[in-house]
Amino acid sequence: MSDDATLAAQVRTASHLTGTFLLRSGRTSTEYFDKYLFEADPALLAAIVDQMVGLLPPGAEVLAGLELGGVPLATLLSQRTGLPTRFVRKKAKEYGTMRTAEGGAVAGRHVVLVEDVVTSGGAVLDATRVLRAEGAIVTDVVCVIDRSEGGRERLAELGLQLRPLLTRADLDAAAG
């Protein structure tokens, strides 16, 4: 089994749930990949991030982890690459700095969004709009899982290239 297939099997085993789940997009699914289950396992999280380093495009200057699942990924990617990290909230906090993007300026910098699972791409699109409004150059998104349910196409409409570590097909193949 290749390293990619082994990692896909580990991620699937750790995070694949069956039942009825409401997704962020509003759709329901009989399958769910619970990112917190693979992100909470230190050895698996390290293996995932080690592979994600290779997904980063040349010229990346800043990593932006999306709340909540993208934050541990971006933080560990930052540790591995030396690139600074920003943290993007779902909505601006109502106290303190009252910002949506935390951790420093992004204006004029090539920011790579870091997400856990992409389904429809809604959270990534929201974060892209916020960061671009702050002057960031956002063209790339790295994620652990692309569920292959239209997210890639929706992101492309906004000029974003999705760079997944694993796709739905990889995870299905890992099921045996």
Protein backbone atom coordinates (compact mmCIF):
# COMPACT_ATOMS: atom_id res chain seq x y z
CA MET A 1 0.00 0.00 0.00
CA SER A 2 1.40 3.44 -0.95
CA ASP A 3 1.95 6.17 1.63
CA ASP A 4 -1.04 8.08 0.19
CA ALA A 5 -3.28 5.02 0.41
CA THR A 6 -2.09 4.30 3.95
CA LEU A 7 -2.85 7.86 5.03
CA ALA A 8 -6.27 7.72 3.35
CA ALA A 9 -7.05 4.51 5.23
CA GLN A 10 -5.93 6.04 8.53
CA VAL A 11 -8.02 9.19 8.01
CA ARG A 12 -11.06 7.17 6.98
CA THR A 13 -10.74 4.80 9.93
CA ALA A 14 -10.35 7.68 12.37
CA SER A 15 -13.06 9.99 11.07
CA HIS A 16 -15.69 8.24 8.92
CA LEU A 17 -19.11 8.15 10.56
CA THR A 18 -22.44 6.92 9.22
CA GLY A 19 -25.90 8.14 10.15
CA THR A 20 -27.80 11.27 9.25
CA PHE A 21 -25.80 14.49 9.37
CA LEU A 22 -26.67 18.09 8.56
CA LEU A 23 -23.80 19.70 6.65
CA ARG A 24 -22.85 23.39 6.74
CA SER A 25 -24.25 23.69 3.22
CA GLY A 26 -27.70 22.80 4.58
CA ARG A 27 -27.70 19.41 2.86
CA THR A 28 -27.99 16.16 4.73
CA SER A 29 -25.61 13.27 4.28
CA THR A 30 -25.51 9.66 5.42
CA GLU A 31 -21.73 9.90 5.77
CA TYR A 32 -19.62 12.35 7.70
CA PHE A 33 -15.87 12.81 8.05
CA ASP A 34 -15.40 14.15 11.57
CA LYS A 35 -12.23 16.21 11.27
CA TYR A 36 -11.94 16.58 15.01
CA LEU A 37 -11.29 12.86 15.26
CA PHE A 38 -8.23 13.01 12.98
CA GLU A 39 -7.10 16.39 14.29
CA ALA A 40 -7.22 15.20 17.91
CA ASP A 41 -4.82 12.32 17.21
CA PRO A 42 -1.31 13.82 17.43
CA ALA A 43 0.41 11.17 15.31
CA LEU A 44 -2.24 11.26 12.59
CA LEU A 45 -2.38 15.07 12.61
CA ALA A 46 1.42 15.20 12.20
CA ALA A 47 1.31 12.73 9.29
CA ILE A 48 -1.45 14.74 7.59
CA VAL A 49 0.39 18.04 7.96
CA ASP A 50 3.69 16.54 6.80
CA GLN A 51 1.93 15.59 3.55
CA MET A 52 0.13 18.95 3.30
CA VAL A 53 3.45 20.83 3.23
CA GLY A 54 3.89 19.60 -0.34
CA LEU A 55 0.53 21.10 -1.36
CA LEU A 56 1.57 24.67 -0.60
CA PRO A 57 2.10 26.70 -3.77
CA PRO A 58 5.34 28.53 -4.50
CA GLY A 59 5.20 32.10 -3.26
CA ALA A 60 2.97 31.37 -0.28
CA GLU A 61 3.61 34.03 2.38
CA VAL A 62 0.90 33.50 4.98
CA LEU A 63 -1.30 30.59 6.03
CA ALA A 64 -4.88 31.32 7.09
CA GLY A 65 -6.64 28.68 9.16
CA LEU A 66 -10.42 28.74 9.01
CA GLU A 67 -12.32 28.45 12.29
CA LEU A 68 -12.34 25.89 13.77
CA GLY A 69 -10.93 22.87 11.98
CA GLY A 70 -8.42 24.79 9.86
CA VAL A 71 -6.73 26.34 12.90
CA PRO A 72 -4.78 23.31 14.17
CA LEU A 73 -3.80 22.42 10.61
CA ALA A 74 -2.55 25.94 9.85
CA THR A 75 -0.75 26.16 13.18
CA LEU A 76 1.15 22.91 12.63
CA LEU A 77 1.81 23.82 8.96
CA SER A 78 3.27 27.09 10.22
CA GLN A 79 5.52 25.18 12.58
CA ARG A 80 6.69 22.90 9.76
CA THR A 81 7.25 25.63 7.14
CA GLY A 82 8.09 28.78 9.10
CA LEU A 83 5.24 30.65 7.38
CA PRO A 84 3.21 32.94 9.65
CA THR A 85 -0.38 32.06 10.43
CA ARG A 86 -3.60 34.02 10.54
CA PHE A 87 -6.87 32.78 11.99
CA VAL A 88 -10.15 33.48 10.20
CA ARG A 89 -13.34 33.54 12.23
CA LYS A 90 -16.76 32.72 10.86
CA LYS A 91 -17.83 36.19 11.95
CA ALA A 92 -16.07 39.14 13.53
CA LYS A 93 -15.92 38.96 17.28
CA GLU A 94 -18.06 41.51 19.06
CA TYR A 95 -15.38 42.67 21.51
CA GLY A 96 -11.66 43.44 21.62
CA THR A 97 -10.26 43.88 18.10
CA MET A 98 -13.64 43.08 16.51
CA ARG A 99 -11.83 41.41 13.59
CA THR A 100 -12.68 38.45 11.45
CA ALA A 101 -9.03 37.74 10.56
CA GLU A 102 -6.69 37.60 13.56
CA GLY A 103 -2.93 37.41 13.90
CA GLY A 104 -1.64 40.29 11.81
CA ALA A 105 -1.94 42.14 8.54
CA VAL A 106 -2.58 40.34 5.25
CA ALA A 107 -2.64 43.27 2.81
CA GLY A 108 -0.49 42.64 -0.23
CA ARG A 109 0.51 39.14 0.92
CA HIS A 110 -0.10 35.82 -0.82
CA VAL A 111 -2.37 34.05 1.67
CA VAL A 112 -3.12 30.34 1.40
CA LEU A 113 -6.35 29.23 3.05
CA VAL A 114 -6.15 26.09 5.17
CA GLU A 115 -9.32 24.06 5.70
CA ASP A 116 -10.15 20.62 7.01
CA VAL A 117 -13.02 19.38 4.82
CA VAL A 118 -14.45 21.06 1.71
CA THR A 119 -17.96 20.12 0.64
CA SER A 120 -19.69 23.08 -1.00
CA GLY A 121 -16.85 25.51 -0.25
CA GLY A 122 -19.08 28.02 1.54
CA ALA A 123 -16.76 28.70 4.48
CA VAL A 124 -13.79 29.09 2.14
CA LEU A 125 -15.69 31.54 -0.06
CA ASP A 126 -16.69 33.60 2.98
CA ALA A 127 -13.09 33.70 4.25
CA THR A 128 -11.77 34.60 0.79
CA ARG A 129 -14.09 37.59 0.56
CA VAL A 130 -13.02 38.84 4.00
CA LEU A 131 -9.30 38.43 3.31
CA ARG A 132 -9.50 39.99 -0.14
CA ALA A 133 -11.39 42.95 1.36
CA GLU A 134 -8.38 43.37 3.66
CA GLY A 135 -6.07 43.42 0.63
CA ALA A 136 -4.83 39.82 0.70
CA ILE A 137 -3.96 37.95 -2.47
CA VAL A 138 -5.88 34.69 -2.16
CA THR A 139 -5.66 32.15 -4.98
CA ASP A 140 -5.07 28.80 -3.29
CA VAL A 141 -6.79 26.59 -0.73
CA VAL A 142 -5.28 23.48 0.85
CA CYS A 143 -7.49 21.00 2.65
CA VAL A 144 -7.35 17.51 4.07
CA ILE A 145 -10.52 16.19 2.42
CA ASP A 146 -12.37 17.30 -0.72
CA ARG A 147 -15.74 15.55 -0.48
CA SER A 148 -16.10 16.09 -4.26
CA GLU A 149 -19.57 17.60 -3.94
CA GLY A 150 -19.09 20.77 -5.98
CA GLY A 151 -16.78 22.73 -3.71
CA ARG A 152 -13.87 22.72 -6.18
CA GLU A 153 -16.09 24.17 -8.90
CA ARG A 154 -17.59 26.85 -6.64
CA LEU A 155 -14.11 27.90 -5.51
CA ALA A 156 -12.90 28.08 -9.10
CA GLU A 157 -15.66 30.61 -9.82
CA LEU A 158 -13.87 32.95 -7.40
CA GLY A 159 -10.46 32.19 -8.91
CA LEU A 160 -9.41 29.72 -6.23
CA GLN A 161 -7.47 26.52 -6.83
CA LEU A 162 -8.33 23.72 -4.42
CA ARG A 163 -5.36 21.55 -3.43
CA PRO A 164 -6.74 18.60 -1.43
CA LEU A 165 -4.62 16.04 0.33
CA LEU A 166 -7.37 13.44 -0.07
CA THR A 167 -10.49 13.26 -2.21
CA ARG A 168 -13.70 11.36 -1.70
CA ALA A 169 -12.42 8.81 -4.23
CA ASP A 170 -9.25 8.27 -2.15
CA LEU A 171 -11.33 7.66 0.98
CA ASP A 172 -13.75 5.36 -0.84
CA ALA A 173 -10.83 3.35 -2.21
CA ALA A 174 -9.47 3.06 1.33
CA ALA A 175 -12.73 1.41 2.41
CA GLY A 176 -11.63 -1.70 0.55
